[in-house]
Amino acid sequence: MAEVSEENSVRKEKLKKLRKDRKAKIEVAKTRMKEQRKKIKAIKEQLKDSPLTVPAIAAATEIEPSHVLWFVAALKKYGQIIEGEKDGSYFQFKLAEKSSDERPR
């Protein structure tokens, strides 16, 4: 019985140390996720009124075009935006229509 409680206390100490060691990494990850959500929201906000190309979205949101392209690709993959007609060399993107059975996130 004493061995079990000793093992538990050793395990708890190891977990406490692990949490302390990883605290900075967790905070960095949280900050990155918050920034990503903010950028995605800005992109969707621009697409709410009319279809836009990646360079137009980048100019309107002041996000690097390469980052906008990555976000647009991800949003397209998950069906949140759709590809429209071409505007010169670029496709225009617009928000996808929400279906009635889709639940809010």
N, C-alpha and C. Protein backbone atom coordinates (compact mmCIF):
# COMPACT_ATOMS: atom_id res chain seq x y z
N MET A 1 0.82 -1.19 0.00
CA MET A 1 0.00 0.00 0.00
C MET A 1 0.87 1.26 0.00
N ALA A 2 1.93 1.23 0.80
CA ALA A 2 2.82 2.39 0.87
C ALA A 2 3.52 2.62 -0.46
N GLU A 3 3.81 1.51 -1.18
CA GLU A 3 4.49 1.62 -2.47
C GLU A 3 3.58 2.32 -3.48
N VAL A 4 2.30 2.03 -3.44
CA VAL A 4 1.35 2.62 -4.39
C VAL A 4 1.26 4.12 -4.18
N SER A 5 1.15 4.57 -2.93
CA SER A 5 1.05 6.00 -2.68
C SER A 5 2.37 6.71 -3.01
N GLU A 6 3.49 6.03 -2.80
CA GLU A 6 4.78 6.62 -3.16
C GLU A 6 4.90 6.76 -4.67
N GLU A 7 4.44 5.74 -5.42
CA GLU A 7 4.47 5.80 -6.89
C GLU A 7 3.57 6.93 -7.39
N ASN A 8 2.41 7.10 -6.75
CA ASN A 8 1.51 8.17 -7.13
C ASN A 8 2.12 9.54 -6.90
N SER A 9 2.79 9.71 -5.79
CA SER A 9 3.40 11.01 -5.51
C SER A 9 4.55 11.28 -6.47
N VAL A 10 5.32 10.24 -6.84
CA VAL A 10 6.40 10.41 -7.81
C VAL A 10 5.81 10.79 -9.16
N ARG A 11 4.73 10.13 -9.55
CA ARG A 11 4.06 10.41 -10.83
C ARG A 11 3.51 11.84 -10.85
N LYS A 12 2.92 12.27 -9.73
CA LYS A 12 2.39 13.62 -9.65
C LYS A 12 3.49 14.66 -9.78
N GLU A 13 4.62 14.41 -9.16
CA GLU A 13 5.75 15.33 -9.26
C GLU A 13 6.28 15.42 -10.69
N LYS A 14 6.34 14.28 -11.36
CA LYS A 14 6.80 14.26 -12.76
C LYS A 14 5.84 15.06 -13.64
N LEU A 15 4.54 14.87 -13.43
CA LEU A 15 3.55 15.61 -14.21
C LEU A 15 3.63 17.11 -13.94
N LYS A 16 3.83 17.48 -12.71
CA LYS A 16 3.96 18.89 -12.34
C LYS A 16 5.16 19.51 -13.04
N LYS A 17 6.28 18.78 -13.07
CA LYS A 17 7.48 19.27 -13.73
C LYS A 17 7.27 19.39 -15.23
N LEU A 18 6.60 18.40 -15.81
CA LEU A 18 6.33 18.41 -17.25
C LEU A 18 5.46 19.61 -17.63
N ARG A 19 4.42 19.88 -16.85
CA ARG A 19 3.56 21.04 -17.11
C ARG A 19 4.35 22.33 -17.03
N LYS A 20 5.23 22.42 -16.04
CA LYS A 20 6.04 23.62 -15.87
C LYS A 20 6.99 23.79 -17.05
N ASP A 21 7.60 22.69 -17.50
CA ASP A 21 8.55 22.76 -18.62
C ASP A 21 7.87 23.15 -19.92
N ARG A 22 6.65 22.72 -20.11
CA ARG A 22 5.94 22.97 -21.36
C ARG A 22 5.09 24.22 -21.36
N LYS A 23 5.04 24.94 -20.28
CA LYS A 23 4.17 26.09 -20.16
C LYS A 23 4.43 27.13 -21.25
N ALA A 24 5.68 27.44 -21.51
CA ALA A 24 6.03 28.44 -22.52
C ALA A 24 5.59 27.99 -23.91
N LYS A 25 5.79 26.71 -24.22
CA LYS A 25 5.40 26.19 -25.54
C LYS A 25 3.89 26.23 -25.71
N ILE A 26 3.17 25.94 -24.66
CA ILE A 26 1.71 25.97 -24.72
C ILE A 26 1.22 27.40 -24.96
N GLU A 27 1.84 28.36 -24.30
CA GLU A 27 1.46 29.76 -24.48
C GLU A 27 1.73 30.23 -25.91
N VAL A 28 2.85 29.81 -26.48
CA VAL A 28 3.18 30.16 -27.87
C VAL A 28 2.13 29.57 -28.81
N ALA A 29 1.76 28.33 -28.58
CA ALA A 29 0.76 27.68 -29.42
C ALA A 29 -0.60 28.38 -29.30
N LYS A 30 -0.98 28.76 -28.09
CA LYS A 30 -2.24 29.48 -27.89
C LYS A 30 -2.25 30.80 -28.64
N THR A 31 -1.15 31.52 -28.56
CA THR A 31 -1.03 32.81 -29.24
C THR A 31 -1.13 32.63 -30.75
N ARG A 32 -0.44 31.61 -31.27
CA ARG A 32 -0.48 31.35 -32.72
C ARG A 32 -1.91 31.01 -33.17
N MET A 33 -2.60 30.19 -32.41
CA MET A 33 -3.97 29.82 -32.76
C MET A 33 -4.90 31.05 -32.73
N LYS A 34 -4.69 31.91 -31.76
CA LYS A 34 -5.50 33.12 -31.66
C LYS A 34 -5.29 34.01 -32.88
N GLU A 35 -4.04 34.15 -33.31
CA GLU A 35 -3.72 34.94 -34.50
C GLU A 35 -4.34 34.33 -35.75
N GLN A 36 -4.29 33.01 -35.86
CA GLN A 36 -4.88 32.34 -37.01
C GLN A 36 -6.39 32.57 -37.07
N ARG A 37 -7.05 32.44 -35.94
CA ARG A 37 -8.50 32.68 -35.92
C ARG A 37 -8.82 34.12 -36.32
N LYS A 38 -8.00 35.05 -35.87
CA LYS A 38 -8.20 36.46 -36.19
C LYS A 38 -8.05 36.70 -37.69
N LYS A 39 -7.04 36.08 -38.31
CA LYS A 39 -6.82 36.23 -39.75
C LYS A 39 -7.94 35.59 -40.56
N ILE A 40 -8.38 34.41 -40.14
CA ILE A 40 -9.47 33.73 -40.84
C ILE A 40 -10.75 34.56 -40.76
N LYS A 41 -11.00 35.14 -39.61
CA LYS A 41 -12.18 35.98 -39.45
C LYS A 41 -12.10 37.20 -40.37
N ALA A 42 -10.91 37.81 -40.48
CA ALA A 42 -10.73 38.97 -41.36
C ALA A 42 -10.95 38.59 -42.82
N ILE A 43 -10.46 37.43 -43.22
CA ILE A 43 -10.64 36.96 -44.60
C ILE A 43 -12.12 36.73 -44.88
N LYS A 44 -12.80 36.05 -43.99
CA LYS A 44 -14.24 35.78 -44.18
C LYS A 44 -15.04 37.08 -44.21
N GLU A 45 -14.64 38.03 -43.40
CA GLU A 45 -15.33 39.32 -43.36
C GLU A 45 -15.23 40.02 -44.72
N GLN A 46 -14.08 39.93 -45.36
CA GLN A 46 -13.90 40.54 -46.68
C GLN A 46 -14.74 39.84 -47.74
N LEU A 47 -14.90 38.54 -47.61
CA LEU A 47 -15.64 37.76 -48.60
C LEU A 47 -17.14 37.81 -48.38
N LYS A 48 -17.57 38.42 -47.29
CA LYS A 48 -18.99 38.46 -46.96
C LYS A 48 -19.80 39.24 -48.00
N ASP A 49 -19.23 40.33 -48.50
CA ASP A 49 -19.99 41.21 -49.40
C ASP A 49 -19.85 40.84 -50.87
N SER A 50 -18.63 40.46 -51.29
CA SER A 50 -18.43 40.17 -52.71
C SER A 50 -17.23 39.24 -52.89
N PRO A 51 -17.19 38.51 -54.00
CA PRO A 51 -16.05 37.62 -54.26
C PRO A 51 -14.78 38.43 -54.50
N LEU A 52 -13.66 37.92 -54.03
CA LEU A 52 -12.37 38.60 -54.18
C LEU A 52 -11.28 37.60 -54.53
N THR A 53 -10.22 38.11 -55.14
CA THR A 53 -9.04 37.29 -55.42
C THR A 53 -8.11 37.30 -54.22
N VAL A 54 -7.14 36.40 -54.23
CA VAL A 54 -6.18 36.35 -53.12
C VAL A 54 -5.44 37.67 -52.96
N PRO A 55 -4.92 38.30 -54.06
CA PRO A 55 -4.25 39.59 -53.87
C PRO A 55 -5.17 40.68 -53.32
N ALA A 56 -6.43 40.67 -53.73
CA ALA A 56 -7.37 41.67 -53.22
C ALA A 56 -7.65 41.45 -51.74
N ILE A 57 -7.78 40.19 -51.33
CA ILE A 57 -7.99 39.88 -49.91
C ILE A 57 -6.78 40.32 -49.11
N ALA A 58 -5.58 40.03 -49.63
CA ALA A 58 -4.35 40.39 -48.94
C ALA A 58 -4.25 41.91 -48.77
N ALA A 59 -4.60 42.65 -49.80
CA ALA A 59 -4.54 44.11 -49.72
C ALA A 59 -5.55 44.65 -48.71
N ALA A 60 -6.75 44.08 -48.70
CA ALA A 60 -7.80 44.56 -47.81
C ALA A 60 -7.53 44.22 -46.35
N THR A 61 -6.93 43.06 -46.10
CA THR A 61 -6.71 42.62 -44.72
C THR A 61 -5.31 42.93 -44.20
N GLU A 62 -4.43 43.32 -45.11
CA GLU A 62 -3.02 43.57 -44.76
C GLU A 62 -2.33 42.33 -44.22
N ILE A 63 -2.73 41.18 -44.76
CA ILE A 63 -2.09 39.90 -44.45
C ILE A 63 -1.25 39.53 -45.66
N GLU A 64 -0.08 38.95 -45.43
CA GLU A 64 0.79 38.56 -46.54
C GLU A 64 0.04 37.68 -47.53
N PRO A 65 0.21 37.93 -48.83
CA PRO A 65 -0.51 37.12 -49.83
C PRO A 65 -0.24 35.61 -49.70
N SER A 66 0.98 35.24 -49.34
CA SER A 66 1.27 33.80 -49.19
C SER A 66 0.46 33.20 -48.05
N HIS A 67 0.26 33.95 -46.98
CA HIS A 67 -0.55 33.47 -45.86
C HIS A 67 -2.02 33.41 -46.24
N VAL A 68 -2.48 34.43 -46.99
CA VAL A 68 -3.87 34.44 -47.43
C VAL A 68 -4.12 33.21 -48.30
N LEU A 69 -3.18 32.89 -49.18
CA LEU A 69 -3.34 31.72 -50.05
C LEU A 69 -3.49 30.45 -49.23
N TRP A 70 -2.69 30.28 -48.19
CA TRP A 70 -2.79 29.10 -47.34
C TRP A 70 -4.15 29.04 -46.64
N PHE A 71 -4.59 30.16 -46.10
CA PHE A 71 -5.88 30.18 -45.41
C PHE A 71 -7.02 29.91 -46.38
N VAL A 72 -6.96 30.52 -47.57
CA VAL A 72 -7.99 30.31 -48.59
C VAL A 72 -8.04 28.84 -48.99
N ALA A 73 -6.87 28.23 -49.17
CA ALA A 73 -6.82 26.81 -49.54
C ALA A 73 -7.47 25.95 -48.46
N ALA A 74 -7.18 26.25 -47.21
CA ALA A 74 -7.76 25.48 -46.10
C ALA A 74 -9.27 25.70 -46.02
N LEU A 75 -9.70 26.95 -46.14
CA LEU A 75 -11.12 27.24 -46.08
C LEU A 75 -11.87 26.58 -47.23
N LYS A 76 -11.23 26.54 -48.40
CA LYS A 76 -11.84 25.87 -49.55
C LYS A 76 -11.93 24.37 -49.31
N LYS A 77 -10.86 23.80 -48.78
CA LYS A 77 -10.83 22.36 -48.52
C LYS A 77 -11.96 21.94 -47.58
N TYR A 78 -12.25 22.76 -46.60
CA TYR A 78 -13.27 22.41 -45.62
C TYR A 78 -14.65 22.99 -45.95
N GLY A 79 -14.80 23.48 -47.20
CA GLY A 79 -16.10 23.88 -47.68
C GLY A 79 -16.64 25.19 -47.13
N GLN A 80 -15.79 26.02 -46.56
CA GLN A 80 -16.27 27.28 -46.02
C GLN A 80 -16.28 28.39 -47.07
N ILE A 81 -15.45 28.26 -48.11
CA ILE A 81 -15.49 29.18 -49.23
C ILE A 81 -15.46 28.37 -50.51
N ILE A 82 -15.90 29.00 -51.58
CA ILE A 82 -15.89 28.31 -52.87
C ILE A 82 -15.19 29.18 -53.91
N GLU A 83 -14.68 28.50 -54.92
CA GLU A 83 -13.98 29.16 -56.00
C GLU A 83 -15.01 29.67 -57.00
N GLY A 84 -14.85 30.91 -57.41
CA GLY A 84 -15.77 31.49 -58.39
C GLY A 84 -15.10 31.64 -59.74
N GLU A 85 -15.49 32.67 -60.44
CA GLU A 85 -14.96 32.93 -61.77
C GLU A 85 -13.55 33.50 -61.68
N LYS A 86 -12.86 33.44 -62.83
CA LYS A 86 -11.51 33.99 -62.90
C LYS A 86 -11.57 35.50 -63.11
N ASP A 87 -10.66 36.19 -62.48
CA ASP A 87 -10.48 37.63 -62.67
C ASP A 87 -9.04 37.81 -63.11
N GLY A 88 -8.82 37.84 -64.42
CA GLY A 88 -7.45 37.87 -64.93
C GLY A 88 -6.81 36.52 -64.71
N SER A 89 -5.70 36.50 -64.00
CA SER A 89 -4.99 35.25 -63.73
C SER A 89 -5.42 34.58 -62.42
N TYR A 90 -6.29 35.25 -61.67
CA TYR A 90 -6.65 34.76 -60.34
C TYR A 90 -8.12 34.37 -60.27
N PHE A 91 -8.40 33.35 -59.49
CA PHE A 91 -9.78 32.99 -59.22
C PHE A 91 -10.31 33.88 -58.12
N GLN A 92 -11.60 34.15 -58.20
CA GLN A 92 -12.28 34.87 -57.12
C GLN A 92 -12.86 33.83 -56.16
N PHE A 93 -12.87 34.17 -54.89
CA PHE A 93 -13.43 33.28 -53.88
C PHE A 93 -14.57 33.99 -53.17
N LYS A 94 -15.55 33.19 -52.78
CA LYS A 94 -16.68 33.75 -52.03
C LYS A 94 -17.08 32.76 -50.94
N LEU A 95 -17.80 33.26 -49.96
CA LEU A 95 -18.26 32.40 -48.87
C LEU A 95 -19.24 31.38 -49.39
N ALA A 96 -19.17 30.19 -48.87
CA ALA A 96 -20.10 29.13 -49.25
C ALA A 96 -21.43 29.38 -48.57
N GLU A 97 -22.49 28.96 -49.22
CA GLU A 97 -23.82 29.08 -48.64
C GLU A 97 -23.93 28.11 -47.48
N LYS A 98 -24.49 28.55 -46.38
CA LYS A 98 -24.69 27.66 -45.23
C LYS A 98 -25.97 26.85 -45.46
N SER A 99 -25.86 25.56 -45.22
CA SER A 99 -27.05 24.72 -45.33
C SER A 99 -27.84 24.79 -44.03
N SER A 100 -29.11 24.47 -44.09
CA SER A 100 -29.97 24.58 -42.92
C SER A 100 -29.63 23.56 -41.83
N ASP A 101 -28.99 22.43 -42.23
CA ASP A 101 -28.65 21.41 -41.23
C ASP A 101 -27.27 21.64 -40.62
N GLU A 102 -26.57 22.69 -41.05
CA GLU A 102 -25.24 22.96 -40.50
C GLU A 102 -25.40 23.63 -39.15
N ARG A 103 -24.69 23.14 -38.18
CA ARG A 103 -24.77 23.73 -36.86
C ARG A 103 -23.69 24.77 -36.66
N PRO A 104 -23.95 25.83 -35.90
CA PRO A 104 -22.95 26.87 -35.67
C PRO A 104 -21.81 26.34 -34.81
N ARG A 105 -20.64 26.91 -35.04
CA ARG A 105 -19.46 26.50 -34.28
C ARG A 105 -19.10 27.52 -33.26
